[in-house]
Amino acid sequence: TMNPGYAGRTELPENLKALFRPCAMVVPDFGNIAEISLNAEGFLEAKELGHKFVTLFALCQELLSKQYHYDWGLRAMKGVLRIAGGMKRDEPDKTEKQILMRALRDVNLPKFVLADFGIFLGLITDLFPRVDSPPKTDPALVKGIREVIAMDGSGLQPEEVFVTKIANLAEMLGVRHCCFILGAAGAAKTKLWKTLAASWSHLNMGGGATQYQALNPKAITVDDLYGYMHPVTKEPFDGIISKMMRDYSRMETEVPKWIVLDGDIDAEWIESMNTVMDDNKVLTLVSNERIPLTGSMRLIFEISHLRNASPA
């Protein structure tokens, strides 16, 4: 695309357009993709379930409120299907309808605003009538979270909502390499990930203490974040995020490693993160260095709203 009026990206010159021919794009067939993905995850009733899946996503798009962080596209579908596949392998005795219903409900509920809760649960019960599937929790993790909260000096109380949210975040970090924690100031966003990190360290996840580094990307310039080339000497200077990612990706250990970006999102600095957040999982710098996101690394964004984010 020529990026017309796209914040954070350079607009390509018109004389470039003359060298290429335009082509048309079509919307992919979601039903087909869902069916094939379910088949690949080992579901036998993939055709019927794929149809239900796509219907639910289409209805959600129409009926639920329009929030910037709601995504009913292919990437969201892929995440749910991956979780459903994992659940099917963990619990082969459950029916496929129970598994898919639970995956759809448990993955989507944490990101809804209060007004959409009832509507979504109504849609799920309509599409999966008389299917009962209690939420799946990791008892060891919940026990670990409660033990960490009960420790002296934590200053926290084991509220059910808080414990559930931490378990939700842990589940999301299991399937996604990049997560957003969204909420107003004072909604316990920082405590959420810090408690999860403490719980994972307490449970010795990955064989050691969970490592994390937090920074506010709005407090410094984009050059300081990602590094830059000196305009005259062409000497590369390192940036903060690139140094953090390089240090973590060189570590041999399997302990969880998080980079927490706590600050409002705008198209200027988040645009360079695009390749990290999609399936490439690589940060490309101006010096042509490419830093991969390893299996134990995660990106966590802690933000209050997505008003200034670009569509990508």
C-alpha atoms as a PDB file:
ATOM      1  CA  THR A   1       0.000   0.000   0.000  1.00  0.00           C
ATOM      2  CA  MET A   2       1.162   3.547  -0.666  1.00  0.00           C
ATOM      3  CA  ASN A   3       0.374   4.526   2.987  1.00  0.00           C
ATOM      4  CA  PRO A   4      -1.719   7.647   2.221  1.00  0.00           C
ATOM      5  CA  GLY A   5      -2.487   9.522   5.454  1.00  0.00           C
ATOM      6  CA  TYR A   6      -1.148   6.672   7.567  1.00  0.00           C
ATOM      7  CA  ALA A   7       0.350   7.926  10.840  1.00  0.00           C
ATOM      8  CA  GLY A   8       3.837   6.758  11.612  1.00  0.00           C
ATOM      9  CA  ARG A   9       4.683   5.621   8.096  1.00  0.00           C
ATOM     10  CA  THR A  10       6.376   7.511   5.298  1.00  0.00           C
ATOM     11  CA  GLU A  11       4.149   8.162   2.323  1.00  0.00           C
ATOM     12  CA  LEU A  12       5.637   6.659  -0.817  1.00  0.00           C
ATOM     13  CA  PRO A  13       6.191   9.007  -3.757  1.00  0.00           C
ATOM     14  CA  GLU A  14       3.759   9.046  -6.698  1.00  0.00           C
ATOM     15  CA  ASN A  15       6.464   8.263  -9.294  1.00  0.00           C
ATOM     16  CA  LEU A  16       6.874   4.910  -7.527  1.00  0.00           C
ATOM     17  CA  LYS A  17       3.230   4.102  -8.238  1.00  0.00           C
ATOM     18  CA  ALA A  18       3.915   4.261 -11.977  1.00  0.00           C
ATOM     19  CA  LEU A  19       6.388   1.370 -11.705  1.00  0.00           C
ATOM     20  CA  PHE A  20       3.868  -1.058 -10.186  1.00  0.00           C
ATOM     21  CA  ARG A  21       0.510  -2.307 -11.306  1.00  0.00           C
ATOM     22  CA  PRO A  22      -2.446  -2.157  -8.923  1.00  0.00           C
ATOM     23  CA  CYS A  23      -4.095  -5.409  -7.845  1.00  0.00           C
ATOM     24  CA  ALA A  24      -7.394  -6.201  -6.180  1.00  0.00           C
ATOM     25  CA  MET A  25      -7.712  -7.971  -2.833  1.00  0.00           C
ATOM     26  CA  VAL A  26     -10.601 -10.128  -1.683  1.00  0.00           C
ATOM     27  CA  VAL A  27     -11.733 -10.885   1.868  1.00  0.00           C
ATOM     28  CA  PRO A  28     -10.653 -14.444   2.755  1.00  0.00           C
ATOM     29  CA  ASP A  29     -13.271 -17.123   3.380  1.00  0.00           C
ATOM     30  CA  PHE A  30     -13.267 -17.290   7.194  1.00  0.00           C
ATOM     31  CA  GLY A  31     -15.439 -20.424   7.265  1.00  0.00           C
ATOM     32  CA  ASN A  32     -12.949 -22.380   5.198  1.00  0.00           C
ATOM     33  CA  ILE A  33      -9.979 -21.210   7.225  1.00  0.00           C
ATOM     34  CA  ALA A  34     -11.699 -22.058  10.537  1.00  0.00           C
ATOM     35  CA  GLU A  35     -12.683 -25.515   9.276  1.00  0.00           C
ATOM     36  CA  ILE A  36      -9.185 -26.369   8.020  1.00  0.00           C
ATOM     37  CA  SER A  37      -7.543 -25.041  11.209  1.00  0.00           C
ATOM     38  CA  LEU A  38      -9.924 -27.111  13.376  1.00  0.00           C
ATOM     39  CA  ASN A  39      -9.141 -30.175  11.276  1.00  0.00           C
ATOM     40  CA  ALA A  40      -5.431 -29.518  11.727  1.00  0.00           C
ATOM     41  CA  GLU A  41      -5.923 -29.316  15.514  1.00  0.00           C
ATOM     42  CA  GLY A  42      -7.597 -32.743  15.426  1.00  0.00           C
ATOM     43  CA  PHE A  43     -11.311 -31.859  15.581  1.00  0.00           C
ATOM     44  CA  LEU A  44     -13.618 -34.336  13.847  1.00  0.00           C
ATOM     45  CA  GLU A  45     -16.760 -32.164  13.655  1.00  0.00           C
ATOM     46  CA  ALA A  46     -14.739 -29.366  12.064  1.00  0.00           C
ATOM     47  CA  LYS A  47     -17.334 -28.351   9.444  1.00  0.00           C
ATOM     48  CA  GLU A  48     -20.156 -27.731  11.915  1.00  0.00           C
ATOM     49  CA  LEU A  49     -17.892 -26.173  14.557  1.00  0.00           C
ATOM     50  CA  GLY A  50     -16.155 -23.948  11.993  1.00  0.00           C
ATOM     51  CA  HIS A  51     -19.546 -22.608  10.930  1.00  0.00           C
ATOM     52  CA  LYS A  52     -20.531 -21.869  14.567  1.00  0.00           C
ATOM     53  CA  PHE A  53     -17.171 -20.217  15.167  1.00  0.00           C
ATOM     54  CA  VAL A  54     -17.451 -17.839  12.207  1.00  0.00           C
ATOM     55  CA  THR A  55     -21.113 -17.081  13.005  1.00  0.00           C
ATOM     56  CA  LEU A  56     -20.183 -16.100  16.559  1.00  0.00           C
ATOM     57  CA  PHE A  57     -17.410 -13.786  15.359  1.00  0.00           C
ATOM     58  CA  ALA A  58     -19.717 -12.166  12.789  1.00  0.00           C
ATOM     59  CA  LEU A  59     -22.471 -11.624  15.397  1.00  0.00           C
ATOM     60  CA  CYS A  60     -19.984 -10.193  17.903  1.00  0.00           C
ATOM     61  CA  GLN A  61     -18.775  -7.728  15.320  1.00  0.00           C
ATOM     62  CA  GLU A  62     -22.335  -6.537  14.706  1.00  0.00           C
ATOM     63  CA  LEU A  63     -23.857  -6.638  18.191  1.00  0.00           C
ATOM     64  CA  LEU A  64     -21.105  -5.756  20.638  1.00  0.00           C
ATOM     65  CA  SER A  65     -20.002  -2.177  21.332  1.00  0.00           C
ATOM     66  CA  LYS A  66     -17.258  -0.756  19.153  1.00  0.00           C
ATOM     67  CA  GLN A  67     -14.047  -0.750  21.200  1.00  0.00           C
ATOM     68  CA  TYR A  68     -10.594  -0.089  19.789  1.00  0.00           C
ATOM     69  CA  HIS A  69      -9.181  -3.251  21.345  1.00  0.00           C
ATOM     70  CA  TYR A  70     -11.828  -5.637  20.003  1.00  0.00           C
ATOM     71  CA  ASP A  71     -10.495  -7.713  17.156  1.00  0.00           C
ATOM     72  CA  TRP A  72     -12.680 -10.162  15.236  1.00  0.00           C
ATOM     73  CA  GLY A  73     -10.177 -10.834  12.468  1.00  0.00           C
ATOM     74  CA  LEU A  74      -8.085 -13.811  11.466  1.00  0.00           C
ATOM     75  CA  ARG A  75      -5.393 -13.270  14.086  1.00  0.00           C
ATOM     76  CA  ALA A  76      -7.924 -13.411  16.925  1.00  0.00           C
ATOM     77  CA  MET A  77      -9.410 -16.550  15.332  1.00  0.00           C
ATOM     78  CA  LYS A  78      -6.014 -18.191  15.176  1.00  0.00           C
ATOM     79  CA  GLY A  79      -5.378 -17.556  18.858  1.00  0.00           C
ATOM     80  CA  VAL A  80      -8.684 -19.143  19.916  1.00  0.00           C
ATOM     81  CA  LEU A  81      -8.122 -22.143  17.630  1.00  0.00           C
ATOM     82  CA  ARG A  82      -4.645 -22.703  19.074  1.00  0.00           C
ATOM     83  CA  ILE A  83      -6.038 -22.697  22.626  1.00  0.00           C
ATOM     84  CA  ALA A  84      -8.902 -25.008  21.598  1.00  0.00           C
ATOM     85  CA  GLY A  85      -6.385 -27.449  20.085  1.00  0.00           C
ATOM     86  CA  GLY A  86      -4.358 -27.436  23.301  1.00  0.00           C
ATOM     87  CA  MET A  87      -7.496 -28.088  25.373  1.00  0.00           C
ATOM     88  CA  LYS A  88      -8.503 -30.988  23.107  1.00  0.00           C
ATOM     89  CA  ARG A  89      -5.152 -32.690  23.604  1.00  0.00           C
ATOM     90  CA  ASP A  90      -5.242 -32.058  27.373  1.00  0.00           C
ATOM     91  CA  GLU A  91      -8.785 -33.376  27.854  1.00  0.00           C
ATOM     92  CA  PRO A  92      -9.669 -35.928  25.174  1.00  0.00           C
ATOM     93  CA  ASP A  93     -12.732 -37.094  27.180  1.00  0.00           C
ATOM     94  CA  LYS A  94     -14.585 -33.770  26.698  1.00  0.00           C
ATOM     95  CA  THR A  95     -16.862 -33.347  23.663  1.00  0.00           C
ATOM     96  CA  GLU A  96     -15.605 -31.095  20.877  1.00  0.00           C
ATOM     97  CA  LYS A  97     -18.507 -28.662  21.380  1.00  0.00           C
ATOM     98  CA  GLN A  98     -17.581 -28.270  25.071  1.00  0.00           C
ATOM     99  CA  ILE A  99     -13.940 -27.628  24.183  1.00  0.00           C
ATOM    100  CA  LEU A 100     -14.634 -25.012  21.490  1.00  0.00           C
ATOM    101  CA  MET A 101     -17.285 -23.287  23.586  1.00  0.00           C
ATOM    102  CA  ARG A 102     -14.926 -23.035  26.555  1.00  0.00           C
ATOM    103  CA  ALA A 103     -12.076 -21.750  24.370  1.00  0.00           C
ATOM    104  CA  LEU A 104     -14.291 -19.081  22.787  1.00  0.00           C
ATOM    105  CA  ARG A 105     -15.691 -17.987  26.140  1.00  0.00           C
ATOM    106  CA  ASP A 106     -12.519 -18.021  28.244  1.00  0.00           C
ATOM    107  CA  VAL A 107     -10.346 -16.248  25.652  1.00  0.00           C
ATOM    108  CA  ASN A 108     -12.818 -13.500  24.825  1.00  0.00           C
ATOM    109  CA  LEU A 109     -14.404 -12.672  28.204  1.00  0.00           C
ATOM    110  CA  PRO A 110     -11.299 -11.037  29.773  1.00  0.00           C
ATOM    111  CA  LYS A 111     -11.161  -8.351  27.083  1.00  0.00           C
ATOM    112  CA  PHE A 112     -14.815  -7.254  27.156  1.00  0.00           C
ATOM    113  CA  VAL A 113     -16.157  -4.100  28.741  1.00  0.00           C
ATOM    114  CA  LEU A 114     -18.892  -4.744  31.296  1.00  0.00           C
ATOM    115  CA  ALA A 115     -21.789  -3.835  28.981  1.00  0.00           C
ATOM    116  CA  ASP A 116     -20.872  -6.595  26.494  1.00  0.00           C
ATOM    117  CA  PHE A 117     -20.639  -9.450  29.010  1.00  0.00           C
ATOM    118  CA  GLY A 118     -24.320 -10.384  28.966  1.00  0.00           C
ATOM    119  CA  ILE A 119     -24.684 -10.070  25.188  1.00  0.00           C
ATOM    120  CA  PHE A 120     -21.676 -12.317  24.535  1.00  0.00           C
ATOM    121  CA  LEU A 121     -22.746 -14.994  27.026  1.00  0.00           C
ATOM    122  CA  GLY A 122     -26.210 -14.916  25.442  1.00  0.00           C
ATOM    123  CA  LEU A 123     -24.695 -15.469  21.977  1.00  0.00           C
ATOM    124  CA  ILE A 124     -22.570 -18.373  23.247  1.00  0.00           C
ATOM    125  CA  THR A 125     -25.568 -20.122  24.848  1.00  0.00           C
ATOM    126  CA  ASP A 126     -27.611 -19.625  21.668  1.00  0.00           C
ATOM    127  CA  LEU A 127     -24.901 -21.168  19.487  1.00  0.00           C
ATOM    128  CA  PHE A 128     -24.039 -23.970  21.901  1.00  0.00           C
ATOM    129  CA  PRO A 129     -27.388 -24.822  23.533  1.00  0.00           C
ATOM    130  CA  ARG A 130     -27.289 -27.190  26.554  1.00  0.00           C
ATOM    131  CA  VAL A 131     -23.484 -27.356  26.404  1.00  0.00           C
ATOM    132  CA  ASP A 132     -22.009 -26.972  29.863  1.00  0.00           C
ATOM    133  CA  SER A 133     -18.296 -26.460  30.265  1.00  0.00           C
ATOM    134  CA  PRO A 134     -16.898 -24.922  33.474  1.00  0.00           C
ATOM    135  CA  PRO A 135     -13.904 -22.593  33.067  1.00  0.00           C
ATOM    136  CA  LYS A 136     -10.561 -24.366  33.200  1.00  0.00           C
ATOM    137  CA  THR A 137      -8.080 -22.979  35.698  1.00  0.00           C
ATOM    138  CA  ASP A 138      -4.569 -24.060  36.479  1.00  0.00           C
ATOM    139  CA  PRO A 139      -4.858 -25.094  40.170  1.00  0.00           C
ATOM    140  CA  ALA A 140      -1.080 -24.935  40.754  1.00  0.00           C
ATOM    141  CA  LEU A 141      -0.888 -21.362  39.392  1.00  0.00           C
ATOM    142  CA  VAL A 142      -3.933 -20.173  41.382  1.00  0.00           C
ATOM    143  CA  LYS A 143      -2.415 -21.683  44.538  1.00  0.00           C
ATOM    144  CA  GLY A 144       0.911 -19.959  43.746  1.00  0.00           C
ATOM    145  CA  ILE A 145      -0.839 -16.601  43.171  1.00  0.00           C
ATOM    146  CA  ARG A 146      -2.683 -16.871  46.499  1.00  0.00           C
ATOM    147  CA  GLU A 147       0.557 -17.766  48.318  1.00  0.00           C
ATOM    148  CA  VAL A 148       2.365 -14.751  46.804  1.00  0.00           C
ATOM    149  CA  ILE A 149      -0.522 -12.421  47.725  1.00  0.00           C
ATOM    150  CA  ALA A 150      -0.548 -13.826  51.285  1.00  0.00           C
ATOM    151  CA  MET A 151       3.163 -13.053  51.769  1.00  0.00           C
ATOM    152  CA  ASP A 152       4.179 -10.308  54.202  1.00  0.00           C
ATOM    153  CA  GLY A 153       4.576  -6.904  52.633  1.00  0.00           C
ATOM    154  CA  SER A 154       2.589  -7.627  49.446  1.00  0.00           C
ATOM    155  CA  GLY A 155      -0.181  -5.265  50.596  1.00  0.00           C
ATOM    156  CA  LEU A 156      -2.674  -7.184  48.418  1.00  0.00           C
ATOM    157  CA  GLN A 157      -5.843  -9.146  49.064  1.00  0.00           C
ATOM    158  CA  PRO A 158      -6.746 -12.347  47.191  1.00  0.00           C
ATOM    159  CA  GLU A 159      -9.879 -10.904  45.577  1.00  0.00           C
ATOM    160  CA  GLU A 160     -11.481 -13.430  43.219  1.00  0.00           C
ATOM    161  CA  VAL A 161     -11.538 -10.968  40.283  1.00  0.00           C
ATOM    162  CA  PHE A 162      -7.852 -10.122  40.714  1.00  0.00           C
ATOM    163  CA  VAL A 163      -6.760 -13.784  40.907  1.00  0.00           C
ATOM    164  CA  THR A 164      -8.867 -14.613  37.822  1.00  0.00           C
ATOM    165  CA  LYS A 165      -7.356 -11.725  35.852  1.00  0.00           C
ATOM    166  CA  ILE A 166      -3.828 -12.899  36.713  1.00  0.00           C
ATOM    167  CA  ALA A 167      -4.721 -16.436  35.581  1.00  0.00           C
ATOM    168  CA  ASN A 168      -6.185 -14.938  32.358  1.00  0.00           C
ATOM    169  CA  LEU A 169      -2.951 -13.065  31.688  1.00  0.00           C
ATOM    170  CA  ALA A 170      -0.907 -16.234  32.270  1.00  0.00           C
ATOM    171  CA  GLU A 171      -3.119 -18.103  29.790  1.00  0.00           C
ATOM    172  CA  MET A 172      -2.770 -15.336  27.195  1.00  0.00           C
ATOM    173  CA  LEU A 173       1.022 -15.252  27.574  1.00  0.00           C
ATOM    174  CA  GLY A 174       0.958 -18.997  26.917  1.00  0.00           C
ATOM    175  CA  VAL A 175      -0.368 -18.561  23.370  1.00  0.00           C
ATOM    176  CA  ARG A 176       0.590 -14.977  22.454  1.00  0.00           C
ATOM    177  CA  HIS A 177       4.013 -13.416  22.463  1.00  0.00           C
ATOM    178  CA  CYS A 178       2.572  -9.934  22.866  1.00  0.00           C
ATOM    179  CA  CYS A 179      -0.175  -8.831  25.276  1.00  0.00           C
ATOM    180  CA  PHE A 180      -1.960  -5.606  26.125  1.00  0.00           C
ATOM    181  CA  ILE A 181      -3.102  -4.847  29.673  1.00  0.00           C
ATOM    182  CA  LEU A 182      -5.807  -2.240  29.277  1.00  0.00           C
ATOM    183  CA  GLY A 183      -7.424  -0.176  32.013  1.00  0.00           C
ATOM    184  CA  ALA A 184      -7.762   3.247  33.611  1.00  0.00           C
ATOM    185  CA  ALA A 185      -5.119   4.609  35.974  1.00  0.00           C
ATOM    186  CA  GLY A 186      -5.319   2.873  39.347  1.00  0.00           C
ATOM    187  CA  ALA A 187      -6.964  -0.262  37.926  1.00  0.00           C
ATOM    188  CA  ALA A 188      -4.067  -2.430  39.247  1.00  0.00           C
ATOM    189  CA  LYS A 189      -2.465  -3.060  35.847  1.00  0.00           C
ATOM    190  CA  THR A 190       1.099  -2.965  37.192  1.00  0.00           C
ATOM    191  CA  LYS A 191       0.232  -5.094  40.222  1.00  0.00           C
ATOM    192  CA  LEU A 192      -1.331  -7.629  37.844  1.00  0.00           C
ATOM    193  CA  TRP A 193       1.823  -8.450  35.909  1.00  0.00           C
ATOM    194  CA  LYS A 194       4.112  -8.003  38.920  1.00  0.00           C
ATOM    195  CA  THR A 195       2.057 -10.515  40.917  1.00  0.00           C
ATOM    196  CA  LEU A 196       2.121 -12.952  37.994  1.00  0.00           C
ATOM    197  CA  ALA A 197       5.904 -12.569  37.704  1.00  0.00           C
ATOM    198  CA  ALA A 198       6.266 -13.169  41.453  1.00  0.00           C
ATOM    199  CA  SER A 199       3.970 -16.231  41.242  1.00  0.00           C
ATOM    200  CA  TRP A 200       5.950 -17.714  38.348  1.00  0.00           C
ATOM    201  CA  SER A 201       9.214 -17.101  40.239  1.00  0.00           C
ATOM    202  CA  HIS A 202       7.613 -18.691  43.325  1.00  0.00           C
ATOM    203  CA  LEU A 203       6.620 -21.751  41.256  1.00  0.00           C
ATOM    204  CA  ASN A 204      10.083 -21.801  39.619  1.00  0.00           C
ATOM    205  CA  MET A 205       8.665 -21.535  36.076  1.00  0.00           C
ATOM    206  CA  GLY A 206      11.352 -22.175  33.460  1.00  0.00           C
ATOM    207  CA  GLY A 207      13.811 -23.059  36.194  1.00  0.00           C
ATOM    208  CA  GLY A 208      14.331 -19.681  37.848  1.00  0.00           C
ATOM    209  CA  ALA A 209      13.025 -16.223  38.682  1.00  0.00           C
ATOM    210  CA  THR A 210      10.949 -14.470  36.019  1.00  0.00           C
ATOM    211  CA  GLN A 211      12.913 -11.554  34.579  1.00  0.00           C
ATOM    212  CA  TYR A 212      11.328  -8.303  33.475  1.00  0.00           C
ATOM    213  CA  GLN A 213      12.330  -4.777  32.511  1.00  0.00           C
ATOM    214  CA  ALA A 214       9.829  -1.951  32.351  1.00  0.00           C
ATOM    215  CA  LEU A 215      10.121   1.406  30.632  1.00  0.00           C
ATOM    216  CA  ASN A 216       7.942   4.299  29.540  1.00  0.00           C
ATOM    217  CA  PRO A 217       8.385   4.669  25.760  1.00  0.00           C
ATOM    218  CA  LYS A 218       6.840   8.158  25.786  1.00  0.00           C
ATOM    219  CA  ALA A 219       9.544   9.501  28.112  1.00  0.00           C
ATOM    220  CA  ILE A 220      12.239   9.311  25.421  1.00  0.00           C
ATOM    221  CA  THR A 221      12.556   9.918  21.695  1.00  0.00           C
ATOM    222  CA  VAL A 222      12.105   7.209  19.064  1.00  0.00           C
ATOM    223  CA  ASP A 223      15.851   7.367  18.319  1.00  0.00           C
ATOM    224  CA  ASP A 224      16.623   6.615  21.972  1.00  0.00           C
ATOM    225  CA  LEU A 225      14.163   3.726  21.905  1.00  0.00           C
ATOM    226  CA  TYR A 226      15.361   1.900  18.801  1.00  0.00           C
ATOM    227  CA  GLY A 227      18.783   3.401  18.140  1.00  0.00           C
ATOM    228  CA  TYR A 228      19.861   5.447  15.106  1.00  0.00           C
ATOM    229  CA  MET A 229      22.631   5.928  12.536  1.00  0.00           C
ATOM    230  CA  HIS A 230      24.748   9.061  12.845  1.00  0.00           C
ATOM    231  CA  PRO A 231      23.885  11.145   9.735  1.00  0.00           C
ATOM    232  CA  VAL A 232      27.545  11.997   8.985  1.00  0.00           C
ATOM    233  CA  THR A 233      29.713   9.149  10.273  1.00  0.00           C
ATOM    234  CA  LYS A 234      27.028   6.456   9.631  1.00  0.00           C
ATOM    235  CA  GLU A 235      27.971   4.977  13.011  1.00  0.00           C
ATOM    236  CA  PRO A 236      25.088   3.004  14.611  1.00  0.00           C
ATOM    237  CA  PHE A 237      24.001   4.031  18.111  1.00  0.00           C
ATOM    238  CA  ASP A 238      22.095   1.562  20.289  1.00  0.00           C
ATOM    239  CA  GLY A 239      18.581   2.137  21.596  1.00  0.00           C
ATOM    240  CA  ILE A 240      17.027   1.053  24.890  1.00  0.00           C
ATOM    241  CA  ILE A 241      14.486  -1.468  23.556  1.00  0.00           C
ATOM    242  CA  SER A 242      17.023  -2.930  21.139  1.00  0.00           C
ATOM    243  CA  LYS A 243      19.528  -3.406  23.978  1.00  0.00           C
ATOM    244  CA  MET A 244      16.908  -5.062  26.223  1.00  0.00           C
ATOM    245  CA  MET A 245      15.796  -7.409  23.447  1.00  0.00           C
ATOM    246  CA  ARG A 246      19.362  -8.271  22.451  1.00  0.00           C
ATOM    247  CA  ASP A 247      20.361  -9.061  26.057  1.00  0.00           C
ATOM    248  CA  TYR A 248      17.299 -11.247  26.587  1.00  0.00           C
ATOM    249  CA  SER A 249      17.553 -13.081  23.261  1.00  0.00           C
ATOM    250  CA  ARG A 250      21.193 -13.967  23.971  1.00  0.00           C
ATOM    251  CA  MET A 251      20.303 -15.554  27.302  1.00  0.00           C
ATOM    252  CA  GLU A 252      20.470 -19.337  27.205  1.00  0.00           C
ATOM    253  CA  THR A 253      18.037 -19.933  30.079  1.00  0.00           C
ATOM    254  CA  GLU A 254      14.346 -20.786  29.625  1.00  0.00           C
ATOM    255  CA  VAL A 255      13.074 -18.476  32.395  1.00  0.00           C
ATOM    256  CA  PRO A 256      10.259 -16.157  31.280  1.00  0.00           C
ATOM    257  CA  LYS A 257      11.631 -12.784  30.116  1.00  0.00           C
ATOM    258  CA  TRP A 258       9.296  -9.822  29.725  1.00  0.00           C
ATOM    259  CA  ILE A 259       9.741  -6.367  28.271  1.00  0.00           C
ATOM    260  CA  VAL A 260       7.005  -4.175  29.760  1.00  0.00           C
ATOM    261  CA  LEU A 261       6.177  -0.954  27.912  1.00  0.00           C
ATOM    262  CA  ASP A 262       4.162   1.229  30.243  1.00  0.00           C
ATOM    263  CA  GLY A 263       2.933   4.307  28.408  1.00  0.00           C
ATOM    264  CA  ASP A 264       0.351   5.493  25.902  1.00  0.00           C
ATOM    265  CA  ILE A 265       0.512   4.089  22.419  1.00  0.00           C
ATOM    266  CA  ASP A 266       0.923   6.339  19.418  1.00  0.00           C
ATOM    267  CA  ALA A 267       1.730   5.456  15.840  1.00  0.00           C
ATOM    268  CA  GLU A 268       5.185   7.063  16.021  1.00  0.00           C
ATOM    269  CA  TRP A 269       6.924   4.546  18.275  1.00  0.00           C
ATOM    270  CA  ILE A 270       4.674   1.484  18.011  1.00  0.00           C
ATOM    271  CA  GLU A 271       5.067   1.253  14.212  1.00  0.00           C
ATOM    272  CA  SER A 272       8.593  -0.180  14.514  1.00  0.00           C
ATOM    273  CA  MET A 273       7.147  -2.886  16.771  1.00  0.00           C
ATOM    274  CA  ASN A 274       4.935  -4.233  13.973  1.00  0.00           C
ATOM    275  CA  THR A 275       7.380  -6.939  12.906  1.00  0.00           C
ATOM    276  CA  VAL A 276       7.866  -7.980  16.552  1.00  0.00           C
ATOM    277  CA  MET A 277       4.145  -8.255  17.227  1.00  0.00           C
ATOM    278  CA  ASP A 278       3.216 -10.218  14.092  1.00  0.00           C
ATOM    279  CA  ASP A 279       4.372 -13.747  13.316  1.00  0.00           C
ATOM    280  CA  ASN A 280       7.864 -12.673  12.231  1.00  0.00           C
ATOM    281  CA  LYS A 281       8.795 -11.991  15.886  1.00  0.00           C
ATOM    282  CA  VAL A 282      11.855  -9.997  14.809  1.00  0.00           C
ATOM    283  CA  LEU A 283      12.883  -6.418  15.631  1.00  0.00           C
ATOM    284  CA  THR A 284      14.544  -4.821  12.620  1.00  0.00           C
ATOM    285  CA  LEU A 285      16.802  -1.855  13.382  1.00  0.00           C
ATOM    286  CA  VAL A 286      18.080   0.983  11.161  1.00  0.00           C
ATOM    287  CA  SER A 287      21.561  -0.587  11.287  1.00  0.00           C
ATOM    288  CA  ASN A 288      20.017  -3.633   9.491  1.00  0.00           C
ATOM    289  CA  GLU A 289      20.429  -5.737  12.623  1.00  0.00           C
ATOM    290  CA  ARG A 290      17.607  -8.193  13.255  1.00  0.00           C
ATOM    291  CA  ILE A 291      16.892  -9.251  16.840  1.00  0.00           C
ATOM    292  CA  PRO A 292      14.611 -12.295  17.208  1.00  0.00           C
ATOM    293  CA  LEU A 293      12.075 -12.707  20.010  1.00  0.00           C
ATOM    294  CA  THR A 294      12.945 -16.079  21.559  1.00  0.00           C
ATOM    295  CA  GLY A 295      10.395 -18.594  22.851  1.00  0.00           C
ATOM    296  CA  SER A 296      10.653 -17.441  26.460  1.00  0.00           C
ATOM    297  CA  MET A 297      10.413 -13.700  25.668  1.00  0.00           C
ATOM    298  CA  ARG A 298       7.158 -11.739  25.861  1.00  0.00           C
ATOM    299  CA  LEU A 299       6.124  -8.142  25.189  1.00  0.00           C
ATOM    300  CA  ILE A 300       3.595  -6.605  27.568  1.00  0.00           C
ATOM    301  CA  PHE A 301       2.005  -3.225  26.875  1.00  0.00           C
ATOM    302  CA  GLU A 302       0.394  -1.447  29.788  1.00  0.00           C
ATOM    303  CA  ILE A 303      -1.946   1.253  28.499  1.00  0.00           C
ATOM    304  CA  SER A 304      -5.123   3.147  29.351  1.00  0.00           C
ATOM    305  CA  HIS A 305      -6.621   3.418  25.845  1.00  0.00           C
ATOM    306  CA  LEU A 306      -5.970   2.674  22.178  1.00  0.00           C
ATOM    307  CA  ARG A 307      -7.298   5.920  20.715  1.00  0.00           C
ATOM    308  CA  ASN A 308      -4.090   6.876  18.924  1.00  0.00           C
ATOM    309  CA  ALA A 309      -3.102   3.438  17.675  1.00  0.00           C
ATOM    310  CA  SER A 310      -2.952   2.851  13.920  1.00  0.00           C
ATOM    311  CA  PRO A 311      -5.200   0.168  12.337  1.00  0.00           C
ATOM    312  CA  ALA A 312      -2.240  -2.212  12.071  1.00  0.00           C
END
